[in-house]
């Protein structure tokens, strides 16, 4: 009697295994797309409605000279939980947008996460914090909103965050 139960279980297992193998071999490959952007508003699933945070590749001494921007930068207009970028599945395709420094100058094309030297908050109404860890954790630095005359304050990141910036959040 035991050998009959075993044979039934083995046959059921073999049938299940064959079905899984058939599905796996006939399923099409998952597709992935990766894009590089210098502004999180270029990501289709992000709604930008506030903020204006600029993160520069260089410290302020080298980022702006004689009134001209000399450093590549990235702009954010909302909370960014991971400076490396954002991904989303659309059907079976994974689409990833990676944040890079752009707009010419030193650091152009470099990945943004853990590479910023200075920050400029040009938001009219929002204060920001830049964090050491993704997900708004660890050491952070506060950046006050734009001044009353429209002046955007360019500030170096503190030593704990210089080239160690992983997320930013309005405050």
N, C-alpha and C. Protein backbone atom coordinates (compact mmCIF):
# COMPACT_ATOMS: atom_id res chain seq x y z
N UNK A 1 0.80 -1.18 0.00
CA UNK A 1 0.00 0.00 0.00
C UNK A 1 0.85 1.26 0.00
N UNK A 2 1.97 1.23 0.75
CA UNK A 2 2.84 2.40 0.82
C UNK A 2 3.47 2.71 -0.52
N UNK A 3 3.81 1.68 -1.30
CA UNK A 3 4.45 1.93 -2.59
C UNK A 3 3.48 2.58 -3.58
N UNK A 4 2.19 2.32 -3.45
CA UNK A 4 1.20 2.94 -4.33
C UNK A 4 1.09 4.43 -4.01
N UNK A 5 1.07 4.80 -2.71
CA UNK A 5 1.01 6.22 -2.32
C UNK A 5 2.25 6.95 -2.82
N UNK A 6 3.40 6.30 -2.67
CA UNK A 6 4.65 6.92 -3.12
C UNK A 6 4.63 7.16 -4.62
N UNK A 7 4.16 6.19 -5.38
CA UNK A 7 4.10 6.31 -6.84
C UNK A 7 3.16 7.44 -7.24
N UNK A 8 2.02 7.59 -6.53
CA UNK A 8 1.07 8.66 -6.84
C UNK A 8 1.70 10.02 -6.54
N UNK A 9 2.40 10.14 -5.41
CA UNK A 9 3.05 11.40 -5.04
C UNK A 9 4.16 11.73 -6.04
N UNK A 10 4.93 10.72 -6.43
CA UNK A 10 6.01 10.94 -7.39
C UNK A 10 5.45 11.37 -8.74
N UNK A 11 4.35 10.75 -9.16
CA UNK A 11 3.73 11.12 -10.44
C UNK A 11 3.18 12.54 -10.37
N UNK A 12 2.56 12.91 -9.25
CA UNK A 12 2.03 14.27 -9.08
C UNK A 12 3.16 15.29 -9.09
N UNK A 13 4.26 14.96 -8.42
CA UNK A 13 5.42 15.86 -8.39
C UNK A 13 5.98 16.03 -9.79
N UNK A 14 6.13 14.93 -10.51
CA UNK A 14 6.69 14.99 -11.86
C UNK A 14 5.80 15.83 -12.77
N UNK A 15 4.50 15.71 -12.64
CA UNK A 15 3.57 16.50 -13.45
C UNK A 15 3.69 17.98 -13.10
N UNK A 16 3.74 18.30 -11.82
CA UNK A 16 3.87 19.70 -11.38
C UNK A 16 5.19 20.29 -11.86
N UNK A 17 6.28 19.50 -11.72
CA UNK A 17 7.59 19.97 -12.15
C UNK A 17 7.59 20.24 -13.65
N UNK A 18 7.00 19.36 -14.43
CA UNK A 18 6.94 19.53 -15.88
C UNK A 18 6.14 20.78 -16.25
N UNK A 19 5.08 21.05 -15.52
CA UNK A 19 4.27 22.25 -15.79
C UNK A 19 5.07 23.52 -15.52
N UNK A 20 5.81 23.52 -14.43
CA UNK A 20 6.64 24.69 -14.09
C UNK A 20 7.72 24.90 -15.15
N UNK A 21 8.37 23.83 -15.56
CA UNK A 21 9.41 23.93 -16.58
C UNK A 21 8.82 24.44 -17.89
N UNK A 22 7.65 23.98 -18.25
CA UNK A 22 7.01 24.42 -19.50
C UNK A 22 6.70 25.91 -19.46
N UNK A 23 6.20 26.38 -18.33
CA UNK A 23 5.89 27.82 -18.21
C UNK A 23 7.17 28.63 -18.26
N UNK A 24 8.21 28.18 -17.59
CA UNK A 24 9.46 28.93 -17.55
C UNK A 24 10.12 29.00 -18.92
N UNK A 25 10.02 27.95 -19.71
CA UNK A 25 10.69 27.96 -21.01
C UNK A 25 9.89 28.71 -22.06
N UNK A 26 8.58 28.86 -21.86
CA UNK A 26 7.78 29.58 -22.85
C UNK A 26 7.60 31.04 -22.49
N UNK A 27 7.85 31.42 -21.25
CA UNK A 27 7.70 32.81 -20.86
C UNK A 27 8.80 33.64 -21.51
N UNK A 28 8.42 34.84 -21.96
CA UNK A 28 9.40 35.73 -22.58
C UNK A 28 10.31 36.33 -21.53
N UNK A 29 11.44 36.81 -21.95
CA UNK A 29 12.37 37.40 -20.99
C UNK A 29 11.84 38.73 -20.45
N UNK A 30 12.17 39.00 -19.20
CA UNK A 30 11.81 40.29 -18.63
C UNK A 30 12.69 41.36 -19.26
N UNK A 31 12.12 42.49 -19.53
CA UNK A 31 12.86 43.57 -20.14
C UNK A 31 13.20 44.62 -19.09
N UNK A 32 14.33 45.24 -19.26
CA UNK A 32 14.74 46.29 -18.35
C UNK A 32 15.24 47.48 -19.16
N UNK A 33 14.90 48.65 -18.70
CA UNK A 33 15.37 49.87 -19.34
C UNK A 33 15.95 50.77 -18.26
N UNK A 34 17.05 51.42 -18.58
CA UNK A 34 17.67 52.34 -17.63
C UNK A 34 17.92 53.66 -18.32
N UNK A 35 17.54 54.74 -17.64
CA UNK A 35 17.72 56.08 -18.16
C UNK A 35 18.48 56.91 -17.14
N UNK A 36 19.23 57.87 -17.59
CA UNK A 36 19.95 58.78 -16.71
C UNK A 36 19.29 60.14 -16.80
N UNK A 37 18.98 60.73 -15.63
CA UNK A 37 18.31 62.03 -15.59
C UNK A 37 19.01 62.93 -14.57
N UNK A 38 18.94 64.21 -14.81
CA UNK A 38 19.54 65.19 -13.90
C UNK A 38 18.49 65.92 -13.07
N UNK A 39 17.26 65.53 -13.22
CA UNK A 39 16.14 66.19 -12.55
C UNK A 39 15.09 65.14 -12.26
N UNK A 40 14.65 65.01 -11.02
CA UNK A 40 13.68 63.96 -10.72
C UNK A 40 12.32 64.22 -11.35
N UNK A 41 12.05 65.40 -11.85
CA UNK A 41 10.80 65.67 -12.57
C UNK A 41 10.79 65.00 -13.94
N UNK A 42 11.93 64.51 -14.41
CA UNK A 42 11.99 63.79 -15.68
C UNK A 42 11.56 62.34 -15.54
N UNK A 43 11.25 61.92 -14.34
CA UNK A 43 10.77 60.56 -14.08
C UNK A 43 9.24 60.58 -14.21
N UNK A 44 8.68 59.77 -15.13
CA UNK A 44 7.24 59.86 -15.41
C UNK A 44 6.31 59.65 -14.22
N UNK A 45 6.67 58.83 -13.25
CA UNK A 45 5.76 58.54 -12.15
C UNK A 45 5.96 59.45 -10.95
N UNK A 46 6.83 60.46 -11.07
CA UNK A 46 7.02 61.40 -9.97
C UNK A 46 6.28 62.69 -10.29
N UNK A 47 5.47 63.14 -9.36
CA UNK A 47 4.75 64.39 -9.50
C UNK A 47 5.53 65.47 -8.76
N UNK A 48 5.98 66.46 -9.47
CA UNK A 48 6.76 67.54 -8.86
C UNK A 48 5.85 68.73 -8.63
N UNK A 49 5.75 69.13 -7.38
CA UNK A 49 4.87 70.26 -7.09
C UNK A 49 5.50 71.27 -6.15
N UNK A 50 6.64 70.98 -5.59
CA UNK A 50 7.25 71.91 -4.65
C UNK A 50 8.76 71.67 -4.61
N UNK A 51 9.45 72.58 -4.00
CA UNK A 51 10.88 72.42 -3.78
C UNK A 51 11.73 72.88 -4.93
N UNK A 52 12.99 72.96 -4.69
CA UNK A 52 13.97 73.35 -5.71
C UNK A 52 15.35 73.21 -5.09
N UNK A 53 15.78 71.97 -4.92
CA UNK A 53 17.05 71.67 -4.28
C UNK A 53 18.08 71.31 -5.34
N UNK A 54 19.21 71.97 -5.32
CA UNK A 54 20.30 71.72 -6.26
C UNK A 54 21.45 71.08 -5.49
N UNK A 55 21.94 69.96 -5.98
CA UNK A 55 23.10 69.32 -5.38
C UNK A 55 24.24 69.39 -6.39
N UNK A 56 25.35 70.00 -5.99
CA UNK A 56 26.50 70.22 -6.87
C UNK A 56 27.56 69.15 -6.66
N UNK A 57 28.25 68.83 -7.73
CA UNK A 57 29.35 67.87 -7.67
C UNK A 57 30.50 68.41 -6.83
N UNK A 58 30.78 69.68 -6.93
CA UNK A 58 31.90 70.30 -6.21
C UNK A 58 31.44 71.06 -4.98
N UNK A 59 32.40 71.41 -4.13
CA UNK A 59 32.13 72.31 -3.02
C UNK A 59 31.82 73.69 -3.60
N UNK A 60 31.27 74.57 -2.75
CA UNK A 60 30.83 75.87 -3.27
C UNK A 60 32.00 76.69 -3.83
N UNK A 61 33.20 76.50 -3.31
CA UNK A 61 34.37 77.23 -3.81
C UNK A 61 34.58 76.97 -5.31
N UNK A 62 34.30 75.75 -5.74
CA UNK A 62 34.52 75.38 -7.15
C UNK A 62 33.23 75.27 -7.95
N UNK A 63 32.09 75.21 -7.27
CA UNK A 63 30.81 75.05 -7.96
C UNK A 63 30.41 76.32 -8.71
N UNK A 64 30.59 77.46 -8.06
CA UNK A 64 30.24 78.74 -8.67
C UNK A 64 31.43 79.67 -8.54
N UNK A 65 31.89 80.18 -9.68
CA UNK A 65 33.03 81.10 -9.68
C UNK A 65 32.69 82.32 -10.54
N UNK A 66 32.94 83.49 -9.99
CA UNK A 66 32.67 84.75 -10.68
C UNK A 66 31.23 84.82 -11.19
N UNK A 67 30.30 84.26 -10.41
CA UNK A 67 28.89 84.31 -10.78
C UNK A 67 28.45 83.27 -11.80
N UNK A 68 29.36 82.38 -12.22
CA UNK A 68 29.03 81.35 -13.21
C UNK A 68 29.12 79.96 -12.58
N UNK A 69 28.17 79.13 -12.94
CA UNK A 69 28.17 77.75 -12.45
C UNK A 69 29.24 76.98 -13.21
N UNK A 70 30.18 76.40 -12.48
CA UNK A 70 31.29 75.65 -13.08
C UNK A 70 31.19 74.16 -12.80
N UNK A 71 30.25 73.77 -11.96
CA UNK A 71 30.12 72.38 -11.53
C UNK A 71 28.84 71.78 -12.08
N UNK A 72 28.87 70.50 -12.37
CA UNK A 72 27.65 69.80 -12.74
C UNK A 72 26.74 69.72 -11.52
N UNK A 73 25.43 69.65 -11.75
CA UNK A 73 24.49 69.60 -10.64
C UNK A 73 23.27 68.77 -11.01
N UNK A 74 22.52 68.39 -9.98
CA UNK A 74 21.27 67.67 -10.09
C UNK A 74 20.22 68.47 -9.36
N UNK A 75 19.00 68.51 -9.88
CA UNK A 75 17.93 69.23 -9.20
C UNK A 75 16.83 68.29 -8.78
N UNK A 76 16.29 68.54 -7.58
CA UNK A 76 15.18 67.76 -7.05
C UNK A 76 14.05 68.71 -6.66
N UNK A 77 12.82 68.28 -6.96
CA UNK A 77 11.64 69.10 -6.66
C UNK A 77 10.66 68.38 -5.76
N UNK A 78 11.16 67.46 -4.98
CA UNK A 78 10.33 66.74 -4.01
C UNK A 78 11.25 65.87 -3.16
N UNK A 79 10.65 65.03 -2.36
CA UNK A 79 11.44 64.10 -1.55
C UNK A 79 12.09 63.06 -2.46
N UNK A 80 13.32 62.69 -2.11
CA UNK A 80 14.03 61.65 -2.87
C UNK A 80 14.59 60.67 -1.84
N UNK A 81 14.00 59.48 -1.79
CA UNK A 81 14.39 58.52 -0.76
C UNK A 81 15.70 57.79 -1.09
N UNK A 82 16.11 57.85 -2.35
CA UNK A 82 17.38 57.22 -2.73
C UNK A 82 18.00 58.01 -3.88
N UNK A 83 19.13 58.63 -3.60
CA UNK A 83 19.80 59.44 -4.62
C UNK A 83 20.36 58.63 -5.78
N UNK A 84 20.36 57.31 -5.67
CA UNK A 84 20.85 56.52 -6.81
C UNK A 84 19.81 56.50 -7.93
N UNK A 85 18.54 56.65 -7.58
CA UNK A 85 17.51 56.67 -8.60
C UNK A 85 16.25 55.98 -8.12
N UNK A 86 15.38 55.68 -9.06
CA UNK A 86 14.10 55.06 -8.76
C UNK A 86 13.74 54.07 -9.85
N UNK A 87 13.06 53.00 -9.47
CA UNK A 87 12.66 51.97 -10.42
C UNK A 87 11.19 51.65 -10.25
N UNK A 88 10.59 51.16 -11.33
CA UNK A 88 9.20 50.75 -11.27
C UNK A 88 8.94 49.71 -12.35
N UNK A 89 8.17 48.68 -11.98
CA UNK A 89 7.76 47.70 -12.97
C UNK A 89 6.57 48.25 -13.74
N UNK A 90 6.62 48.09 -15.04
CA UNK A 90 5.51 48.43 -15.91
C UNK A 90 5.21 47.18 -16.71
N UNK A 91 4.25 46.38 -16.21
CA UNK A 91 4.03 45.05 -16.77
C UNK A 91 5.18 44.17 -16.36
N UNK A 92 5.85 43.54 -17.31
CA UNK A 92 7.00 42.69 -16.99
C UNK A 92 8.32 43.42 -17.20
N UNK A 93 8.25 44.72 -17.51
CA UNK A 93 9.46 45.50 -17.75
C UNK A 93 9.82 46.35 -16.54
N UNK A 94 11.07 46.33 -16.18
CA UNK A 94 11.57 47.17 -15.09
C UNK A 94 12.21 48.40 -15.70
N UNK A 95 11.71 49.55 -15.31
CA UNK A 95 12.26 50.81 -15.79
C UNK A 95 12.95 51.50 -14.63
N UNK A 96 14.21 51.90 -14.83
CA UNK A 96 15.00 52.55 -13.79
C UNK A 96 15.48 53.90 -14.29
N UNK A 97 15.34 54.90 -13.46
CA UNK A 97 15.88 56.22 -13.73
C UNK A 97 16.98 56.47 -12.72
N UNK A 98 18.21 56.65 -13.19
CA UNK A 98 19.36 56.90 -12.32
C UNK A 98 19.66 58.39 -12.32
N UNK A 99 19.89 58.96 -11.14
CA UNK A 99 20.21 60.38 -11.03
C UNK A 99 21.70 60.60 -11.26
N UNK A 100 22.01 61.49 -12.18
CA UNK A 100 23.39 61.84 -12.51
C UNK A 100 23.55 63.35 -12.47
N UNK A 101 24.79 63.78 -12.31
CA UNK A 101 25.09 65.20 -12.42
C UNK A 101 25.10 65.57 -13.89
N UNK A 102 24.56 66.72 -14.20
CA UNK A 102 24.51 67.15 -15.60
C UNK A 102 24.68 68.64 -15.72
N UNK A 103 24.34 69.15 -16.86
CA UNK A 103 24.37 70.57 -17.17
C UNK A 103 25.79 71.09 -17.36
N UNK A 104 26.71 70.21 -17.69
CA UNK A 104 28.10 70.60 -17.96
C UNK A 104 28.92 70.80 -16.70
N UNK A 105 30.18 71.03 -16.88
CA UNK A 105 31.06 71.31 -15.76
C UNK A 105 31.66 70.06 -15.14
N UNK A 106 32.40 70.29 -14.06
CA UNK A 106 33.06 69.19 -13.35
C UNK A 106 32.04 68.19 -12.85
N UNK A 107 32.29 66.91 -13.09
CA UNK A 107 31.41 65.85 -12.62
C UNK A 107 30.26 65.52 -13.55
N UNK A 108 30.20 66.16 -14.71
CA UNK A 108 29.11 65.91 -15.64
C UNK A 108 29.03 64.42 -16.01
N UNK A 109 27.84 63.83 -15.84
CA UNK A 109 27.63 62.43 -16.17
C UNK A 109 27.91 61.47 -15.02
N UNK A 110 28.50 61.94 -13.93
CA UNK A 110 28.78 61.08 -12.77
C UNK A 110 27.48 60.78 -12.03
N UNK A 111 27.41 59.59 -11.42
CA UNK A 111 26.24 59.27 -10.61
C UNK A 111 26.19 60.19 -9.41
N UNK A 112 24.99 60.57 -9.04
CA UNK A 112 24.78 61.60 -8.03
C UNK A 112 24.95 61.08 -6.60
N UNK A 113 24.48 59.86 -6.34
CA UNK A 113 24.52 59.35 -4.97
C UNK A 113 25.96 59.28 -4.45
N UNK A 114 26.15 59.83 -3.26
CA UNK A 114 27.45 59.84 -2.58
C UNK A 114 28.54 60.57 -3.36
N UNK A 115 28.16 61.58 -4.12
CA UNK A 115 29.14 62.36 -4.88
C UNK A 115 28.96 63.87 -4.76
N UNK A 116 28.02 64.35 -3.98
CA UNK A 116 27.77 65.80 -3.90
C UNK A 116 28.72 66.46 -2.91
N UNK A 117 29.10 67.70 -3.25
CA UNK A 117 29.97 68.48 -2.38
C UNK A 117 29.28 69.68 -1.76
N UNK A 118 28.25 70.20 -2.43
CA UNK A 118 27.53 71.36 -1.91
C UNK A 118 26.07 71.32 -2.33
N UNK A 119 25.27 72.11 -1.64
CA UNK A 119 23.82 72.13 -1.86
C UNK A 119 23.34 73.57 -1.90
N UNK A 120 22.37 73.80 -2.77
CA UNK A 120 21.73 75.11 -2.86
C UNK A 120 20.23 74.90 -2.81
N UNK A 121 19.58 75.52 -1.83
CA UNK A 121 18.14 75.42 -1.72
C UNK A 121 17.52 76.69 -2.29
N UNK A 122 16.85 76.55 -3.42
CA UNK A 122 16.18 77.69 -4.06
C UNK A 122 14.67 77.63 -3.88
N UNK A 123 14.20 76.76 -3.01
CA UNK A 123 12.76 76.63 -2.78
C UNK A 123 12.24 77.88 -2.08
N UNK A 124 11.11 78.36 -2.54
CA UNK A 124 10.49 79.55 -1.97
C UNK A 124 9.90 79.26 -0.60
N UNK A 125 9.33 78.05 -0.45
CA UNK A 125 8.58 77.74 0.76
C UNK A 125 9.10 76.57 1.56
N UNK A 126 10.04 75.82 1.02
CA UNK A 126 10.42 74.56 1.67
C UNK A 126 11.87 74.55 2.15
N UNK A 127 12.03 74.04 3.36
CA UNK A 127 13.35 73.73 3.88
C UNK A 127 13.66 72.29 3.49
N UNK A 128 14.92 71.94 3.43
CA UNK A 128 15.32 70.58 3.07
C UNK A 128 16.33 70.04 4.05
N UNK A 129 16.41 68.72 4.08
CA UNK A 129 17.47 68.01 4.78
C UNK A 129 18.08 67.02 3.81
N UNK A 130 19.39 66.89 3.86
CA UNK A 130 20.10 65.87 3.11
C UNK A 130 20.60 64.87 4.13
N UNK A 131 20.44 63.58 3.82
CA UNK A 131 20.74 62.50 4.76
C UNK A 131 21.88 61.62 4.28
N UNK A 132 22.55 61.01 5.24
CA UNK A 132 23.65 60.09 4.98
C UNK A 132 23.15 58.78 4.37
N UNK A 133 22.01 58.27 4.85
CA UNK A 133 21.48 56.99 4.40
C UNK A 133 20.29 57.17 3.47
N UNK A 134 20.04 56.20 2.64
CA UNK A 134 18.81 56.15 1.86
C UNK A 134 17.65 55.99 2.82
N UNK A 135 16.48 56.48 2.43
CA UNK A 135 15.32 56.36 3.30
C UNK A 135 15.30 57.37 4.42
N UNK A 136 16.06 58.46 4.29
CA UNK A 136 16.06 59.58 5.23
C UNK A 136 16.59 59.18 6.60
N UNK A 137 17.69 58.47 6.65
CA UNK A 137 18.25 58.05 7.92
C UNK A 137 19.69 58.51 8.11
N UNK A 138 20.11 58.45 9.34
CA UNK A 138 21.50 58.78 9.67
C UNK A 138 21.72 60.27 9.82
N UNK A 139 22.97 60.65 9.78
CA UNK A 139 23.35 62.06 9.91
C UNK A 139 22.65 62.87 8.83
N UNK A 140 22.22 64.09 9.18
CA UNK A 140 21.56 64.93 8.20
C UNK A 140 22.03 66.38 8.36
N UNK A 141 21.77 67.17 7.34
CA UNK A 141 22.09 68.59 7.37
C UNK A 141 20.88 69.35 6.87
N UNK A 142 20.57 70.44 7.56
CA UNK A 142 19.40 71.28 7.28
C UNK A 142 19.78 72.42 6.33
N UNK A 143 18.92 72.67 5.34
CA UNK A 143 19.11 73.77 4.40
C UNK A 143 17.84 74.61 4.37
N UNK A 144 17.98 75.87 4.81
CA UNK A 144 16.82 76.76 4.91
C UNK A 144 16.31 77.15 3.54
N UNK A 145 15.02 77.50 3.48
CA UNK A 145 14.39 77.92 2.24
C UNK A 145 15.03 79.21 1.71
N UNK A 146 14.66 79.52 0.50
CA UNK A 146 15.15 80.69 -0.21
C UNK A 146 14.96 81.96 0.64
N UNK A 147 15.89 82.86 0.56
CA UNK A 147 15.81 84.11 1.30
C UNK A 147 14.72 85.04 0.76
N UNK A 148 14.45 86.14 1.46
CA UNK A 148 13.35 87.05 1.08
C UNK A 148 13.58 87.77 -0.25
N UNK A 149 14.81 87.82 -0.71
CA UNK A 149 15.10 88.53 -1.97
C UNK A 149 15.40 87.56 -3.11
N UNK A 150 15.00 86.31 -2.93
CA UNK A 150 15.21 85.33 -3.99
C UNK A 150 16.62 84.79 -4.05
N UNK A 151 17.38 85.01 -2.99
CA UNK A 151 18.76 84.51 -2.99
C UNK A 151 18.77 83.04 -2.57
N UNK A 152 19.41 82.23 -3.36
CA UNK A 152 19.55 80.81 -3.08
C UNK A 152 20.87 80.61 -2.34
N UNK A 153 20.79 80.06 -1.16
CA UNK A 153 21.98 79.88 -0.34
C UNK A 153 22.74 78.63 -0.75
N UNK A 154 23.97 78.81 -1.22
CA UNK A 154 24.84 77.69 -1.58
C UNK A 154 25.71 77.37 -0.37
N UNK A 155 25.65 76.13 0.08
CA UNK A 155 26.32 75.71 1.30
C UNK A 155 27.06 74.40 1.07
N UNK A 156 28.27 74.29 1.58
CA UNK A 156 29.00 73.02 1.52
C UNK A 156 28.32 72.00 2.42
N UNK A 157 28.35 70.75 2.00
CA UNK A 157 27.90 69.68 2.87
C UNK A 157 28.91 69.50 4.00
N UNK A 158 28.42 69.16 5.18
CA UNK A 158 29.32 68.91 6.31
C UNK A 158 30.18 67.70 5.97
N UNK A 159 31.29 67.54 6.65
CA UNK A 159 32.24 66.47 6.31
C UNK A 159 31.60 65.09 6.36
N UNK A 160 30.65 64.86 7.26
CA UNK A 160 29.99 63.54 7.34
C UNK A 160 29.14 63.25 6.11
N UNK A 161 28.69 64.28 5.40
CA UNK A 161 27.83 64.11 4.23
C UNK A 161 28.53 64.38 2.91
N UNK A 162 29.70 65.00 2.95
CA UNK A 162 30.45 65.29 1.72
C UNK A 162 30.78 63.96 1.03
N UNK A 163 30.28 63.78 -0.17
CA UNK A 163 30.40 62.53 -0.92
C UNK A 163 29.79 61.34 -0.18
N UNK A 164 28.84 61.61 0.69
CA UNK A 164 28.09 60.58 1.42
C UNK A 164 26.63 60.98 1.56
N UNK A 165 26.04 61.41 0.48
CA UNK A 165 24.65 61.85 0.48
C UNK A 165 23.78 60.80 -0.19
N UNK A 166 22.75 60.33 0.50
CA UNK A 166 21.97 59.23 -0.04
C UNK A 166 20.49 59.53 -0.21
N UNK A 167 19.96 60.56 0.46
CA UNK A 167 18.56 60.91 0.30
C UNK A 167 18.34 62.35 0.74
N UNK A 168 17.19 62.91 0.34
CA UNK A 168 16.85 64.29 0.74
C UNK A 168 15.34 64.38 0.93
N UNK A 169 14.95 65.22 1.87
CA UNK A 169 13.54 65.32 2.26
C UNK A 169 13.24 66.77 2.63
N UNK A 170 12.07 67.27 2.16
CA UNK A 170 11.72 68.63 2.56
C UNK A 170 11.32 68.63 4.03
N UNK A 171 11.51 69.77 4.69
CA UNK A 171 11.29 69.78 6.13
C UNK A 171 10.40 70.86 6.59
